[in-house]
Amino acid sequence: MILLSNIVYGMAFDFFNISGSLFVETSTDKQIRSSAQGLFMMMTNGFGSIMGSLLSGWMIDKFYLLPDGTKDWPGIWMVFAIYALVVSIFFALLFRHKHNPAELQSVKH
């Protein structure tokens, strides 16, 4: 299960980073593209990681400690899996990127 979860996490992480970078690449002006890429990486892998780690640690300690002092790991994983599902549904319903192949021709590196 650990190996399988690492494989799934790695694929999801790569998909998110690559698709996010491509979105920033194709939807920003040439003059600010490198700054936008840097901001995307800082928000996802910098501030986003720190805030997510701190918030999830606080939630686990606040809501998922059993009376004997151990943590309710099945409950913890279920909450975060449901959260990921809800975010995925909202993303699928609300994100509307208008793909225009002609715009890709104008992207210069």
C-alpha atoms as a PDB file:
ATOM      1  CA  MET A   1       0.000   0.000   0.000  1.00  0.00           C
ATOM      2  CA  ILE A   2       2.858   2.381   0.744  1.00  0.00           C
ATOM      3  CA  LEU A   3       4.451   1.786  -2.662  1.00  0.00           C
ATOM      4  CA  LEU A   4       1.103   2.142  -4.421  1.00  0.00           C
ATOM      5  CA  SER A   5       0.325   5.367  -2.556  1.00  0.00           C
ATOM      6  CA  ASN A   6       3.743   6.777  -3.509  1.00  0.00           C
ATOM      7  CA  ILE A   7       3.124   5.971  -7.156  1.00  0.00           C
ATOM      8  CA  VAL A   8      -0.320   7.612  -7.119  1.00  0.00           C
ATOM      9  CA  TYR A   9       0.990  10.631  -5.191  1.00  0.00           C
ATOM     10  CA  GLY A  10       3.916  11.030  -7.585  1.00  0.00           C
ATOM     11  CA  MET A  11       1.688  10.939 -10.643  1.00  0.00           C
ATOM     12  CA  ALA A  12      -0.778  13.414  -9.103  1.00  0.00           C
ATOM     13  CA  PHE A  13       2.031  15.735  -7.996  1.00  0.00           C
ATOM     14  CA  ASP A  14       3.654  15.678 -11.434  1.00  0.00           C
ATOM     15  CA  PHE A  15       0.328  16.210 -13.201  1.00  0.00           C
ATOM     16  CA  PHE A  16      -0.498  19.183 -10.973  1.00  0.00           C
ATOM     17  CA  ASN A  17       2.902  20.832 -11.401  1.00  0.00           C
ATOM     18  CA  ILE A  18       3.158  20.242 -15.134  1.00  0.00           C
ATOM     19  CA  SER A  19      -0.433  21.255 -15.916  1.00  0.00           C
ATOM     20  CA  GLY A  20      -0.139  24.321 -13.673  1.00  0.00           C
ATOM     21  CA  SER A  21       3.117  25.368 -15.293  1.00  0.00           C
ATOM     22  CA  LEU A  22       1.656  24.894 -18.767  1.00  0.00           C
ATOM     23  CA  PHE A  23      -1.403  26.926 -17.810  1.00  0.00           C
ATOM     24  CA  VAL A  24       0.771  29.772 -16.520  1.00  0.00           C
ATOM     25  CA  GLU A  25       2.973  29.500 -19.619  1.00  0.00           C
ATOM     26  CA  THR A  26       0.101  29.803 -22.053  1.00  0.00           C
ATOM     27  CA  SER A  27      -2.060  32.332 -20.193  1.00  0.00           C
ATOM     28  CA  THR A  28       0.454  35.031 -19.204  1.00  0.00           C
ATOM     29  CA  ASP A  29       2.101  37.778 -21.171  1.00  0.00           C
ATOM     30  CA  LYS A  30       5.718  37.258 -22.248  1.00  0.00           C
ATOM     31  CA  GLN A  31       6.974  40.121 -20.058  1.00  0.00           C
ATOM     32  CA  ILE A  32       5.707  38.583 -16.797  1.00  0.00           C
ATOM     33  CA  ARG A  33       5.863  34.870 -17.649  1.00  0.00           C
ATOM     34  CA  SER A  34       8.972  34.056 -15.585  1.00  0.00           C
ATOM     35  CA  SER A  35       7.596  35.966 -12.582  1.00  0.00           C
ATOM     36  CA  ALA A  36       4.273  34.144 -12.908  1.00  0.00           C
ATOM     37  CA  GLN A  37       6.053  30.770 -13.043  1.00  0.00           C
ATOM     38  CA  GLY A  38       8.063  31.701  -9.947  1.00  0.00           C
ATOM     39  CA  LEU A  39       4.921  32.792  -8.101  1.00  0.00           C
ATOM     40  CA  PHE A  40       3.155  29.552  -9.032  1.00  0.00           C
ATOM     41  CA  MET A  41       6.023  27.451  -7.704  1.00  0.00           C
ATOM     42  CA  MET A  42       6.354  29.530  -4.524  1.00  0.00           C
ATOM     43  CA  MET A  43       2.630  29.301  -3.776  1.00  0.00           C
ATOM     44  CA  THR A  44       2.404  25.553  -4.391  1.00  0.00           C
ATOM     45  CA  ASN A  45       5.752  24.232  -3.191  1.00  0.00           C
ATOM     46  CA  GLY A  46       6.659  26.997  -0.724  1.00  0.00           C
ATOM     47  CA  PHE A  47       3.868  28.751   1.126  1.00  0.00           C
ATOM     48  CA  GLY A  48       1.274  26.149   0.137  1.00  0.00           C
ATOM     49  CA  SER A  49       3.323  23.278   1.530  1.00  0.00           C
ATOM     50  CA  ILE A  50       4.121  25.068   4.780  1.00  0.00           C
ATOM     51  CA  MET A  51       0.543  26.224   5.357  1.00  0.00           C
ATOM     52  CA  GLY A  52      -0.884  22.809   4.441  1.00  0.00           C
ATOM     53  CA  SER A  53       1.511  21.049   6.790  1.00  0.00           C
ATOM     54  CA  LEU A  54       0.810  23.385   9.696  1.00  0.00           C
ATOM     55  CA  LEU A  55      -2.957  23.349   9.197  1.00  0.00           C
ATOM     56  CA  SER A  56      -3.207  19.584   8.793  1.00  0.00           C
ATOM     57  CA  GLY A  57      -1.040  19.027  11.898  1.00  0.00           C
ATOM     58  CA  TRP A  58      -3.261  21.360  13.903  1.00  0.00           C
ATOM     59  CA  MET A  59      -6.427  19.621  12.643  1.00  0.00           C
ATOM     60  CA  ILE A  60      -5.097  16.184  13.517  1.00  0.00           C
ATOM     61  CA  ASP A  61      -4.104  17.248  17.031  1.00  0.00           C
ATOM     62  CA  LYS A  62      -7.353  19.149  17.616  1.00  0.00           C
ATOM     63  CA  PHE A  63      -9.931  16.719  16.233  1.00  0.00           C
ATOM     64  CA  TYR A  64      -8.396  13.251  15.880  1.00  0.00           C
ATOM     65  CA  LEU A  65      -6.784  12.395  19.196  1.00  0.00           C
ATOM     66  CA  LEU A  66      -8.395   9.392  20.826  1.00  0.00           C
ATOM     67  CA  PRO A  67      -8.927   9.294  24.610  1.00  0.00           C
ATOM     68  CA  ASP A  68      -5.838   7.096  25.047  1.00  0.00           C
ATOM     69  CA  GLY A  69      -3.655   9.704  23.314  1.00  0.00           C
ATOM     70  CA  THR A  70      -3.265   7.866  20.004  1.00  0.00           C
ATOM     71  CA  LYS A  71      -4.424   9.261  16.698  1.00  0.00           C
ATOM     72  CA  ASP A  72      -7.437   8.025  14.701  1.00  0.00           C
ATOM     73  CA  TRP A  73      -5.532   7.390  11.456  1.00  0.00           C
ATOM     74  CA  PRO A  74      -8.427   5.857   9.461  1.00  0.00           C
ATOM     75  CA  GLY A  75     -10.544   8.914  10.295  1.00  0.00           C
ATOM     76  CA  ILE A  76      -7.691  11.277   9.431  1.00  0.00           C
ATOM     77  CA  TRP A  77      -7.095   9.695   6.021  1.00  0.00           C
ATOM     78  CA  MET A  78     -10.823   9.586   5.268  1.00  0.00           C
ATOM     79  CA  VAL A  79     -11.244  13.308   5.986  1.00  0.00           C
ATOM     80  CA  PHE A  80      -8.329  14.268   3.737  1.00  0.00           C
ATOM     81  CA  ALA A  81      -9.553  11.884   0.981  1.00  0.00           C
ATOM     82  CA  ILE A  82     -13.035  13.442   1.123  1.00  0.00           C
ATOM     83  CA  TYR A  83     -11.476  16.916   1.047  1.00  0.00           C
ATOM     84  CA  ALA A  84      -9.473  15.977  -2.059  1.00  0.00           C
ATOM     85  CA  LEU A  85     -12.625  14.594  -3.699  1.00  0.00           C
ATOM     86  CA  VAL A  86     -14.620  17.770  -2.959  1.00  0.00           C
ATOM     87  CA  VAL A  87     -11.813  19.991  -4.313  1.00  0.00           C
ATOM     88  CA  SER A  88     -11.618  17.818  -7.450  1.00  0.00           C
ATOM     89  CA  ILE A  89     -15.354  18.113  -8.043  1.00  0.00           C
ATOM     90  CA  PHE A  90     -15.301  21.900  -7.579  1.00  0.00           C
ATOM     91  CA  PHE A  91     -12.313  22.148  -9.906  1.00  0.00           C
ATOM     92  CA  ALA A  92     -14.027  20.084 -12.597  1.00  0.00           C
ATOM     93  CA  LEU A  93     -17.219  22.141 -12.347  1.00  0.00           C
ATOM     94  CA  LEU A  94     -15.775  25.634 -11.984  1.00  0.00           C
ATOM     95  CA  PHE A  95     -12.513  25.691 -13.951  1.00  0.00           C
ATOM     96  CA  ARG A  96     -13.184  26.748 -17.513  1.00  0.00           C
ATOM     97  CA  HIS A  97     -10.007  27.309 -19.489  1.00  0.00           C
ATOM     98  CA  LYS A  98     -10.700  28.415 -23.018  1.00  0.00           C
ATOM     99  CA  HIS A  99      -8.116  26.519 -25.028  1.00  0.00           C
ATOM    100  CA  ASN A 100      -7.172  28.327 -28.221  1.00  0.00           C
ATOM    101  CA  PRO A 101      -4.557  26.451 -30.294  1.00  0.00           C
ATOM    102  CA  ALA A 102      -3.677  29.657 -32.170  1.00  0.00           C
ATOM    103  CA  GLU A 103      -2.429  31.211 -28.922  1.00  0.00           C
ATOM    104  CA  LEU A 104       0.070  28.386 -28.486  1.00  0.00           C
ATOM    105  CA  GLN A 105       1.723  29.360 -31.744  1.00  0.00           C
ATOM    106  CA  SER A 106       2.545  32.790 -30.325  1.00  0.00           C
ATOM    107  CA  VAL A 107       4.304  31.445 -27.191  1.00  0.00           C
ATOM    108  CA  LYS A 108       8.024  32.059 -27.554  1.00  0.00           C
ATOM    109  CA  HIS A 109      10.594  30.855 -25.062  1.00  0.00           C
END
